[in-house]
Amino acid sequence: MRLELTRRPLNAESTWLLKHRRDVTSQCGEDGILEKIFEVIGDHGKVCVELGAWDGVHCSNTHALLRDRGWSGYLIEANADRFKELQRTYRDNPRATLIHRFVDLDPGRGTLDEILAEHACPREIDLLSIDIDGNDYYLWESMPEPTAKVVLIEFNPTVPNDVVFVQERSASVHQGCSLLALTELAEKKGYELVCATDWNALFVRLELFPLFKIEDNSLEAMYHPRMDGRIFHGYDGTVHVVGMPGLMWHGVKLSHENFQVLPPHLRVYRDAQQP
């Protein structure tokens, strides 16, 4: 049996920002990519907002900006223990506004816009970073207007490029959304994709997109999922799987037999010609 997944190479002209990947505290090179993005568009007010700030260092997309580049930031963290660490990280940085709140999706209950307004955050900001491991899509969707020049937002890297997937609108569900779902939302909100790392998408406002000289920002040109799973079945009912060797966040390997619906003695195709 031959079973393999083939993919076209990414477009080098579309993915040129990936050449600038560099991590200070980010996970997949976002620190270097953001530095290049703001070199292209200018950093203007140097204001960032990070939702899901943890301790201000772990997987942070804003720490390098706040520590090394003179930015001001509004860092939001709902977890009490992480927030204490966040306070320790920025105890000597007056440019960091630390906010211990759970961000709600419904107006009147503490939406991101409402919380930022309470802390006098400027309406026009340079960077919005969203990483809350679940409702990221809905949080961006809930924002009424494009206030950020650049949006960095997490997606689920196990969803194929041609699948629109958005988890249930619930803070107790942690499944994420697909990159395709985010690009469709971005278009509605007036943004265009300029880069995708392993699991973070970077969008810029529509009027800034021409500065990057990216002629093709389709997902096929810009991104290969970390797991590009395909499931199909043979005439006899045998289920085949390719591109999904395990559960990415649980360390569980998946085999061919994990996906079988029928027992071996029922995997037959009775209309086939027999030798």
Protein backbone atom coordinates (compact mmCIF):
# COMPACT_ATOMS: atom_id res chain seq x y z
CA MET A 1 0.00 0.00 0.00
CA ARG A 2 1.22 3.50 -0.83
CA LEU A 3 -0.04 6.36 1.36
CA GLU A 4 1.55 9.80 1.50
CA LEU A 5 0.58 13.45 1.68
CA THR A 6 2.04 15.79 -0.96
CA ARG A 7 1.94 19.57 -0.84
CA ARG A 8 3.06 22.34 -3.12
CA PRO A 9 6.00 24.41 -1.87
CA LEU A 10 5.10 27.73 -0.28
CA ASN A 11 5.53 30.90 -2.33
CA ALA A 12 8.85 32.48 -1.34
CA GLU A 13 7.68 35.95 -2.36
CA SER A 14 4.56 35.58 -0.19
CA THR A 15 6.40 34.28 2.88
CA TRP A 16 9.35 36.67 2.91
CA LEU A 17 8.56 37.85 6.44
CA LEU A 18 9.38 34.37 7.75
CA LYS A 19 13.05 35.09 6.94
CA HIS A 20 12.99 37.54 9.87
CA ARG A 21 11.88 35.00 12.49
CA ARG A 22 13.62 35.54 15.81
CA ASP A 23 12.55 34.73 19.34
CA VAL A 24 13.22 36.83 22.40
CA THR A 25 10.22 35.54 24.35
CA SER A 26 7.88 34.60 21.48
CA GLN A 27 7.39 30.98 20.42
CA CYS A 28 7.74 30.79 16.65
CA GLY A 29 9.82 33.78 15.64
CA GLU A 30 7.12 36.41 16.09
CA ASP A 31 9.48 38.87 17.83
CA GLY A 32 11.64 39.22 14.73
CA ILE A 33 8.67 39.26 12.37
CA LEU A 34 6.97 42.02 14.35
CA GLU A 35 10.17 44.04 14.34
CA LYS A 36 10.25 43.85 10.55
CA ILE A 37 6.53 44.61 10.19
CA PHE A 38 6.90 47.81 12.20
CA GLU A 39 10.02 48.69 10.26
CA VAL A 40 7.81 48.57 7.15
CA ILE A 41 4.77 50.45 8.49
CA GLY A 42 6.35 52.51 11.30
CA ASP A 43 5.55 52.05 14.98
CA HIS A 44 3.80 55.42 15.43
CA GLY A 45 2.36 55.53 18.96
CA LYS A 46 4.20 52.40 20.15
CA VAL A 47 1.17 51.04 22.00
CA CYS A 48 0.43 47.33 22.29
CA VAL A 49 -2.27 45.22 23.92
CA GLU A 50 -1.69 41.58 24.83
CA LEU A 51 -4.53 39.36 25.90
CA GLY A 52 -3.36 36.22 27.66
CA ALA A 53 -0.20 37.86 28.99
CA TRP A 54 0.80 35.07 31.42
CA ASP A 55 3.80 36.31 33.44
CA GLY A 56 4.78 38.82 30.78
CA VAL A 57 7.66 36.65 29.55
CA HIS A 58 6.38 33.14 28.79
CA CYS A 59 5.35 32.98 25.11
CA SER A 60 5.02 36.77 25.14
CA ASN A 61 4.70 38.65 21.85
CA THR A 62 5.09 42.05 23.51
CA HIS A 63 7.86 41.69 26.08
CA ALA A 64 10.66 42.67 23.70
CA LEU A 65 8.72 45.77 22.64
CA LEU A 66 8.12 46.86 26.22
CA ARG A 67 11.58 46.03 27.53
CA ASP A 68 13.82 46.99 24.63
CA ARG A 69 11.97 49.34 22.28
CA GLY A 70 10.26 51.87 24.54
CA TRP A 71 6.69 50.75 23.89
CA SER A 72 3.74 51.13 26.25
CA GLY A 73 1.50 48.16 26.83
CA TYR A 74 -1.81 47.03 28.30
CA LEU A 75 -1.34 43.46 29.46
CA ILE A 76 -4.38 41.44 30.47
CA GLU A 77 -4.24 38.20 32.43
CA ALA A 78 -7.16 36.45 34.13
CA ASN A 79 -5.24 33.80 36.09
CA ALA A 80 -4.42 35.07 39.61
CA ASP A 81 -1.10 33.24 39.99
CA ARG A 82 0.12 34.27 36.56
CA PHE A 83 -0.92 37.85 37.26
CA LYS A 84 1.27 37.95 40.38
CA GLU A 85 4.20 36.89 38.21
CA LEU A 86 3.21 39.53 35.66
CA GLN A 87 3.37 42.16 38.38
CA ARG A 88 6.85 40.99 39.35
CA THR A 89 8.02 41.10 35.73
CA TYR A 90 6.93 44.71 35.25
CA ARG A 91 7.30 46.13 38.76
CA ASP A 92 9.93 48.60 37.48
CA ASN A 93 8.33 49.45 34.13
CA PRO A 94 5.84 52.33 34.38
CA ARG A 95 4.90 51.94 30.71
CA ALA A 96 3.16 48.62 31.39
CA THR A 97 -0.47 48.78 32.51
CA LEU A 98 -1.34 45.45 34.11
CA ILE A 99 -4.96 44.33 34.16
CA HIS A 100 -6.25 41.36 36.15
CA ARG A 101 -9.57 40.67 34.42
CA PHE A 102 -11.43 37.98 32.55
CA VAL A 103 -12.47 39.43 29.20
CA ASP A 104 -16.12 38.76 28.37
CA LEU A 105 -17.66 38.67 24.92
CA ASP A 106 -20.95 40.37 25.79
CA PRO A 107 -21.27 44.17 26.18
CA GLY A 108 -21.82 45.38 29.71
CA ARG A 109 -19.95 42.46 31.25
CA GLY A 110 -16.38 43.56 30.60
CA THR A 111 -15.53 43.26 26.91
CA LEU A 112 -12.02 44.04 25.72
CA ASP A 113 -13.13 47.45 24.48
CA GLU A 114 -14.79 48.24 27.80
CA ILE A 115 -11.79 47.13 29.86
CA LEU A 116 -9.33 49.10 27.74
CA ALA A 117 -11.54 52.19 27.97
CA GLU A 118 -11.55 51.89 31.77
CA HIS A 119 -7.74 52.08 31.71
CA ALA A 120 -7.60 54.98 29.24
CA CYS A 121 -6.00 52.93 26.47
CA PRO A 122 -5.82 54.92 23.21
CA ARG A 123 -8.35 53.87 20.60
CA GLU A 124 -5.60 53.72 17.98
CA ILE A 125 -2.99 51.11 18.89
CA ASP A 126 -0.14 49.55 16.97
CA LEU A 127 -0.41 45.90 18.00
CA LEU A 128 -3.12 43.64 19.38
CA SER A 129 -1.95 40.16 20.43
CA ILE A 130 -4.61 37.55 21.28
CA ASP A 131 -3.74 34.16 22.74
CA ILE A 132 -6.41 32.75 25.04
CA ASP A 133 -6.47 29.12 23.80
CA GLY A 134 -10.10 28.99 22.78
CA ASN A 135 -12.35 31.98 22.18
CA ASP A 136 -9.68 33.95 20.26
CA TYR A 137 -11.89 34.16 17.14
CA TYR A 138 -14.93 35.42 19.03
CA LEU A 139 -12.91 37.97 20.97
CA TRP A 140 -11.56 39.56 17.80
CA GLU A 141 -15.00 39.32 16.21
CA SER A 142 -16.53 41.18 19.18
CA MET A 143 -14.34 44.25 18.65
CA PRO A 144 -16.50 46.86 16.89
CA GLU A 145 -13.88 48.52 14.68
CA PRO A 146 -10.29 48.08 13.45
CA THR A 147 -8.34 49.98 16.09
CA ALA A 148 -5.06 48.04 15.81
CA LYS A 149 -2.69 48.42 12.89
CA VAL A 150 -1.43 44.86 13.40
CA VAL A 151 -3.29 41.90 14.87
CA LEU A 152 -1.44 38.77 15.97
CA ILE A 153 -3.81 35.94 16.83
CA GLU A 154 -3.47 32.23 17.54
CA PHE A 155 -5.13 29.52 15.44
CA ASN A 156 -5.30 25.73 15.58
CA PRO A 157 -2.42 24.39 13.41
CA THR A 158 -3.95 20.92 13.04
CA VAL A 159 -6.83 22.14 10.85
CA PRO A 160 -6.27 21.89 7.06
CA ASN A 161 -6.18 25.10 5.04
CA ASP A 162 -9.49 24.37 3.31
CA VAL A 163 -11.53 23.88 6.49
CA VAL A 164 -13.52 26.62 8.22
CA PHE A 165 -13.62 25.66 11.89
CA VAL A 166 -14.59 27.80 14.87
CA GLN A 167 -15.17 26.20 18.25
CA GLU A 168 -18.31 26.69 20.30
CA ARG A 169 -18.65 30.22 21.73
CA SER A 170 -17.74 29.23 25.27
CA ALA A 171 -14.95 30.01 27.71
CA SER A 172 -15.02 26.40 28.91
CA VAL A 173 -14.17 25.03 25.45
CA HIS A 174 -10.54 25.03 24.29
CA GLN A 175 -10.37 23.96 20.65
CA GLY A 176 -9.51 27.18 18.81
CA CYS A 177 -10.26 27.99 15.20
CA SER A 178 -8.77 27.41 11.77
CA LEU A 179 -6.57 29.85 9.90
CA LEU A 180 -9.14 29.96 7.10
CA ALA A 181 -11.83 31.06 9.56
CA LEU A 182 -9.56 33.85 10.78
CA THR A 183 -8.73 35.08 7.27
CA GLU A 184 -12.43 35.27 6.43
CA LEU A 185 -13.09 37.23 9.63
CA ALA A 186 -10.10 39.47 8.91
CA GLU A 187 -11.49 40.37 5.49
CA LYS A 188 -14.80 41.40 7.05
CA LYS A 189 -12.96 43.55 9.58
CA GLY A 190 -10.67 45.24 7.05
CA TYR A 191 -7.44 43.28 7.49
CA GLU A 192 -5.16 41.19 5.28
CA LEU A 193 -2.84 38.31 6.16
CA VAL A 194 0.88 39.11 5.84
CA CYS A 195 2.42 36.15 7.67
CA ALA A 196 1.59 32.87 9.38
CA THR A 197 4.00 31.16 11.77
CA ASP A 198 3.45 27.67 13.16
CA TRP A 199 0.25 28.72 14.96
CA ASN A 200 0.00 32.50 14.90
CA ALA A 201 -1.44 34.63 12.12
CA LEU A 202 -0.35 38.23 11.59
CA PHE A 203 -2.75 40.64 9.91
CA VAL A 204 -2.38 44.30 8.98
CA ARG A 205 -5.05 46.84 8.19
CA LEU A 206 -6.08 46.86 4.57
CA GLU A 207 -4.55 50.25 3.78
CA LEU A 208 -1.14 49.04 5.05
CA PHE A 209 -1.10 45.76 3.11
CA PRO A 210 0.36 47.17 -0.17
CA LEU A 211 3.52 48.17 1.75
CA PHE A 212 4.47 44.49 2.03
CA LYS A 213 4.34 43.84 -1.73
CA ILE A 214 2.72 40.43 -1.30
CA GLU A 215 0.86 39.60 -4.50
CA ASP A 216 -0.53 36.25 -3.31
CA ASN A 217 -1.55 35.92 0.35
CA SER A 218 -3.70 32.85 -0.13
CA LEU A 219 -3.23 30.15 2.49
CA GLU A 220 -1.84 27.78 -0.12
CA ALA A 221 0.94 30.27 -0.82
CA MET A 222 1.68 31.17 2.79
CA TYR A 223 1.12 28.27 5.18
CA HIS A 224 1.42 24.53 5.70
CA PRO A 225 -0.47 23.24 8.76
CA ARG A 226 1.63 21.48 11.39
CA MET A 227 -0.68 18.50 10.94
CA ASP A 228 -2.49 18.32 7.62
CA GLY A 229 -4.77 15.39 8.36
CA ARG A 230 -6.84 13.65 5.70
CA ILE A 231 -9.29 10.85 6.40
CA PHE A 232 -10.90 8.68 3.72
CA HIS A 233 -12.08 5.12 3.33
CA GLY A 234 -11.70 2.27 0.89
CA TYR A 235 -14.47 0.41 -0.89
CA ASP A 236 -14.33 -2.20 1.85
CA GLY A 237 -14.89 0.29 4.69
CA THR A 238 -11.26 0.50 5.82
CA VAL A 239 -10.53 4.00 7.10
CA HIS A 240 -7.21 5.50 6.01
CA VAL A 241 -5.51 8.46 7.68
CA VAL A 242 -2.55 10.51 6.50
CA GLY A 243 -0.93 13.63 7.90
CA MET A 244 -2.17 13.13 11.47
CA PRO A 245 0.28 10.93 13.42
CA GLY A 246 -0.89 11.96 16.88
CA LEU A 247 -2.64 14.39 19.20
CA MET A 248 -0.36 17.41 19.15
CA TRP A 249 -0.95 18.73 22.66
CA HIS A 250 -1.35 15.42 24.48
CA GLY A 251 1.62 13.43 23.21
CA VAL A 252 -0.60 10.56 22.09
CA LYS A 253 0.37 8.71 18.93
CA LEU A 254 -2.37 7.66 16.52
CA SER A 255 -2.24 4.53 14.42
CA HIS A 256 -4.25 3.25 11.49
CA GLU A 257 -6.35 1.07 13.78
CA ASN A 258 -7.40 3.96 16.03
CA PHE A 259 -9.68 5.18 13.24
CA GLN A 260 -11.39 1.94 12.23
CA VAL A 261 -15.17 1.90 12.55
CA LEU A 262 -15.70 -1.65 11.33
CA PRO A 263 -14.03 -4.77 12.74
CA PRO A 264 -11.70 -6.59 10.29
CA HIS A 265 -14.22 -9.27 9.33
CA LEU A 266 -16.70 -6.62 8.13
CA ARG A 267 -14.18 -4.70 6.02
CA VAL A 268 -15.22 -6.29 2.76
CA TYR A 269 -16.62 -5.11 -0.57
CA ARG A 270 -18.99 -7.83 -1.70
CA ASP A 271 -19.50 -6.52 -5.26
CA ALA A 272 -15.80 -6.88 -6.12
CA GLN A 273 -14.74 -9.47 -8.69
CA GLN A 274 -12.99 -12.41 -7.12
CA PRO A 275 -9.93 -14.19 -8.60
